[in-house]
Amino acid sequence: MFTDTNRADWLIAQTLLPRTAAADRLAVVAYHGIKLFDVWVERVRMRRELARLDDRMLTDIGLDRIVADREVNKSFWQA
């Protein structure tokens, strides 16, 4: 679902492009591409933070080093 920021971004994109079916499709593809990129950047950030945690901190969040290392070593596109 759209948040207020996402809705504003979407409305701006709609006003900048000419109103044709092709432009609408391009806007949708661009929007989803940007959102996918945001997900990838967030995964990289979270995995870097996870790599910095010591064993005590990992235990506090219910993980062990093996599970954390498996997650940290995933590529950015892997969920």
N, C-alpha and C. Protein backbone atom coordinates (compact mmCIF):
# COMPACT_ATOMS: atom_id res chain seq x y z
N MET A 1 0.84 -1.18 0.00
CA MET A 1 0.00 0.00 0.00
C MET A 1 0.88 1.24 0.00
N PHE A 2 0.39 2.32 -0.54
CA PHE A 2 1.15 3.55 -0.61
C PHE A 2 1.22 4.24 0.73
N THR A 3 2.41 4.71 1.10
CA THR A 3 2.53 5.61 2.22
C THR A 3 2.40 7.03 1.66
N ASP A 4 2.32 8.02 2.51
CA ASP A 4 2.19 9.39 2.03
C ASP A 4 3.36 9.80 1.15
N THR A 5 4.57 9.41 1.54
CA THR A 5 5.75 9.74 0.74
C THR A 5 5.71 9.04 -0.61
N ASN A 6 5.35 7.76 -0.62
CA ASN A 6 5.27 7.03 -1.87
C ASN A 6 4.21 7.62 -2.78
N ARG A 7 3.07 8.00 -2.21
CA ARG A 7 1.99 8.60 -3.01
C ARG A 7 2.46 9.91 -3.62
N ALA A 8 3.19 10.71 -2.85
CA ALA A 8 3.69 11.98 -3.37
C ALA A 8 4.67 11.74 -4.52
N ASP A 9 5.58 10.77 -4.35
CA ASP A 9 6.52 10.43 -5.42
C ASP A 9 5.78 9.98 -6.68
N TRP A 10 4.75 9.17 -6.49
CA TRP A 10 3.98 8.65 -7.60
C TRP A 10 3.25 9.79 -8.32
N LEU A 11 2.68 10.70 -7.58
CA LEU A 11 1.95 11.83 -8.19
C LEU A 11 2.91 12.73 -8.96
N ILE A 12 4.10 12.94 -8.42
CA ILE A 12 5.09 13.76 -9.13
C ILE A 12 5.48 13.09 -10.43
N ALA A 13 5.73 11.78 -10.39
CA ALA A 13 6.09 11.04 -11.60
C ALA A 13 4.98 11.13 -12.64
N GLN A 14 3.74 11.07 -12.20
CA GLN A 14 2.61 11.14 -13.14
C GLN A 14 2.52 12.51 -13.80
N THR A 15 2.83 13.57 -13.06
CA THR A 15 2.72 14.91 -13.64
C THR A 15 3.88 15.24 -14.58
N LEU A 16 5.02 14.58 -14.43
CA LEU A 16 6.18 14.87 -15.27
C LEU A 16 6.15 14.17 -16.62
N LEU A 17 5.45 13.06 -16.70
CA LEU A 17 5.42 12.30 -17.95
C LEU A 17 4.15 12.59 -18.74
N PRO A 18 4.25 12.58 -20.07
CA PRO A 18 3.04 12.75 -20.87
C PRO A 18 2.07 11.62 -20.61
N ARG A 19 0.78 11.90 -20.73
CA ARG A 19 -0.26 10.90 -20.42
C ARG A 19 -0.56 10.04 -21.63
N THR A 20 0.19 8.99 -21.79
CA THR A 20 -0.08 7.98 -22.81
C THR A 20 0.00 6.62 -22.13
N ALA A 21 -0.53 5.62 -22.77
CA ALA A 21 -0.48 4.28 -22.19
C ALA A 21 0.97 3.83 -22.01
N ALA A 22 1.82 4.13 -22.99
CA ALA A 22 3.22 3.74 -22.89
C ALA A 22 3.91 4.48 -21.74
N ALA A 23 3.61 5.75 -21.60
CA ALA A 23 4.20 6.52 -20.52
C ALA A 23 3.72 6.02 -19.17
N ASP A 24 2.45 5.64 -19.09
CA ASP A 24 1.92 5.09 -17.84
C ASP A 24 2.64 3.79 -17.48
N ARG A 25 2.85 2.94 -18.47
CA ARG A 25 3.55 1.69 -18.21
C ARG A 25 5.00 1.95 -17.81
N LEU A 26 5.63 2.89 -18.48
CA LEU A 26 7.01 3.25 -18.14
C LEU A 26 7.09 3.80 -16.72
N ALA A 27 6.13 4.61 -16.33
CA ALA A 27 6.11 5.16 -14.98
C ALA A 27 5.96 4.05 -13.94
N VAL A 28 5.12 3.09 -14.23
CA VAL A 28 4.92 1.97 -13.30
C VAL A 28 6.20 1.14 -13.19
N VAL A 29 6.83 0.85 -14.31
CA VAL A 29 8.07 0.07 -14.30
C VAL A 29 9.16 0.84 -13.56
N ALA A 30 9.29 2.13 -13.82
CA ALA A 30 10.30 2.95 -13.15
C ALA A 30 10.04 2.99 -11.65
N TYR A 31 8.79 3.18 -11.27
CA TYR A 31 8.43 3.25 -9.86
C TYR A 31 8.80 1.95 -9.15
N HIS A 32 8.43 0.81 -9.73
CA HIS A 32 8.73 -0.47 -9.11
C HIS A 32 10.24 -0.76 -9.11
N GLY A 33 10.93 -0.30 -10.14
CA GLY A 33 12.39 -0.46 -10.17
C GLY A 33 13.06 0.32 -9.05
N ILE A 34 12.59 1.53 -8.81
CA ILE A 34 13.14 2.35 -7.72
C ILE A 34 12.84 1.71 -6.38
N LYS A 35 11.64 1.20 -6.21
CA LYS A 35 11.28 0.55 -4.95
C LYS A 35 12.11 -0.72 -4.73
N LEU A 36 12.37 -1.48 -5.78
CA LEU A 36 13.21 -2.67 -5.67
C LEU A 36 14.63 -2.28 -5.27
N PHE A 37 15.14 -1.23 -5.87
CA PHE A 37 16.46 -0.73 -5.51
C PHE A 37 16.50 -0.34 -4.04
N ASP A 38 15.45 0.32 -3.55
CA ASP A 38 15.37 0.69 -2.13
C ASP A 38 15.41 -0.55 -1.23
N VAL A 39 14.72 -1.61 -1.64
CA VAL A 39 14.74 -2.86 -0.86
C VAL A 39 16.15 -3.42 -0.82
N TRP A 40 16.84 -3.43 -1.95
CA TRP A 40 18.19 -3.96 -2.00
C TRP A 40 19.14 -3.16 -1.11
N VAL A 41 19.04 -1.84 -1.15
CA VAL A 41 19.89 -0.99 -0.32
C VAL A 41 19.61 -1.26 1.15
N GLU A 42 18.35 -1.42 1.52
CA GLU A 42 17.99 -1.70 2.90
C GLU A 42 18.53 -3.06 3.34
N ARG A 43 18.49 -4.06 2.47
CA ARG A 43 19.05 -5.38 2.81
C ARG A 43 20.53 -5.29 3.10
N VAL A 44 21.25 -4.55 2.26
CA VAL A 44 22.70 -4.39 2.46
C VAL A 44 22.95 -3.71 3.80
N ARG A 45 22.21 -2.67 4.10
CA ARG A 45 22.39 -1.93 5.36
C ARG A 45 22.12 -2.83 6.56
N MET A 46 21.02 -3.57 6.50
CA MET A 46 20.65 -4.43 7.62
C MET A 46 21.66 -5.57 7.81
N ARG A 47 22.17 -6.12 6.73
CA ARG A 47 23.14 -7.21 6.84
C ARG A 47 24.47 -6.71 7.38
N ARG A 48 24.85 -5.50 7.03
CA ARG A 48 26.07 -4.92 7.60
C ARG A 48 25.90 -4.72 9.11
N GLU A 49 24.74 -4.23 9.52
CA GLU A 49 24.48 -4.06 10.95
C GLU A 49 24.49 -5.41 11.66
N LEU A 50 23.89 -6.41 11.06
CA LEU A 50 23.85 -7.74 11.65
C LEU A 50 25.28 -8.30 11.81
N ALA A 51 26.15 -8.03 10.84
CA ALA A 51 27.53 -8.52 10.90
C ALA A 51 28.29 -7.90 12.07
N ARG A 52 27.90 -6.71 12.49
CA ARG A 52 28.60 -6.02 13.58
C ARG A 52 28.19 -6.51 14.97
N LEU A 53 27.11 -7.26 15.07
CA LEU A 53 26.64 -7.70 16.38
C LEU A 53 27.53 -8.80 16.95
N ASP A 54 27.77 -8.74 18.25
CA ASP A 54 28.53 -9.82 18.90
C ASP A 54 27.56 -10.94 19.29
N ASP A 55 28.11 -12.03 19.80
CA ASP A 55 27.30 -13.22 20.11
C ASP A 55 26.22 -12.92 21.15
N ARG A 56 26.53 -12.08 22.14
CA ARG A 56 25.54 -11.74 23.17
C ARG A 56 24.36 -10.99 22.55
N MET A 57 24.66 -10.06 21.68
CA MET A 57 23.59 -9.30 21.02
C MET A 57 22.76 -10.20 20.12
N LEU A 58 23.41 -11.12 19.42
CA LEU A 58 22.68 -12.05 18.56
C LEU A 58 21.74 -12.92 19.40
N THR A 59 22.22 -13.38 20.56
CA THR A 59 21.38 -14.18 21.45
C THR A 59 20.17 -13.37 21.91
N ASP A 60 20.38 -12.07 22.16
CA ASP A 60 19.27 -11.20 22.59
C ASP A 60 18.16 -11.12 21.55
N ILE A 61 18.52 -11.21 20.28
CA ILE A 61 17.49 -11.14 19.23
C ILE A 61 17.08 -12.52 18.72
N GLY A 62 17.59 -13.56 19.38
CA GLY A 62 17.15 -14.92 19.07
C GLY A 62 17.87 -15.57 17.92
N LEU A 63 19.09 -15.13 17.64
CA LEU A 63 19.89 -15.74 16.57
C LEU A 63 21.18 -16.27 17.13
N ASP A 64 21.80 -17.20 16.40
CA ASP A 64 23.15 -17.61 16.76
C ASP A 64 24.09 -17.19 15.63
N ARG A 65 25.37 -17.34 15.84
CA ARG A 65 26.36 -16.86 14.87
C ARG A 65 26.21 -17.54 13.52
N ILE A 66 25.87 -18.82 13.50
CA ILE A 66 25.74 -19.55 12.23
C ILE A 66 24.62 -18.97 11.38
N VAL A 67 23.47 -18.73 11.99
CA VAL A 67 22.33 -18.17 11.26
C VAL A 67 22.65 -16.75 10.80
N ALA A 68 23.28 -15.97 11.67
CA ALA A 68 23.63 -14.59 11.32
C ALA A 68 24.63 -14.57 10.16
N ASP A 69 25.64 -15.44 10.22
CA ASP A 69 26.63 -15.48 9.13
C ASP A 69 25.99 -15.90 7.81
N ARG A 70 25.05 -16.83 7.88
CA ARG A 70 24.35 -17.25 6.66
C ARG A 70 23.59 -16.06 6.04
N GLU A 71 22.95 -15.28 6.89
CA GLU A 71 22.20 -14.11 6.40
C GLU A 71 23.15 -13.03 5.87
N VAL A 72 24.22 -12.78 6.59
CA VAL A 72 25.18 -11.75 6.20
C VAL A 72 25.82 -12.08 4.86
N ASN A 73 26.04 -13.35 4.56
CA ASN A 73 26.73 -13.75 3.34
C ASN A 73 25.81 -13.88 2.12
N LYS A 74 24.54 -13.58 2.27
CA LYS A 74 23.64 -13.58 1.12
C LYS A 74 23.94 -12.38 0.22
N SER A 75 23.65 -12.52 -1.05
CA SER A 75 23.75 -11.40 -1.98
C SER A 75 22.58 -10.46 -1.76
N PHE A 76 22.73 -9.21 -2.21
CA PHE A 76 21.72 -8.20 -1.94
C PHE A 76 20.36 -8.53 -2.54
N TRP A 77 20.34 -9.31 -3.61
CA TRP A 77 19.05 -9.61 -4.25
C TRP A 77 18.34 -10.80 -3.59
N GLN A 78 19.01 -11.51 -2.71
CA GLN A 78 18.41 -12.68 -2.06
C GLN A 78 17.63 -12.26 -0.83
N ALA A 79 16.40 -12.74 -0.76
CA ALA A 79 15.56 -12.41 0.40
C ALA A 79 15.91 -13.29 1.58
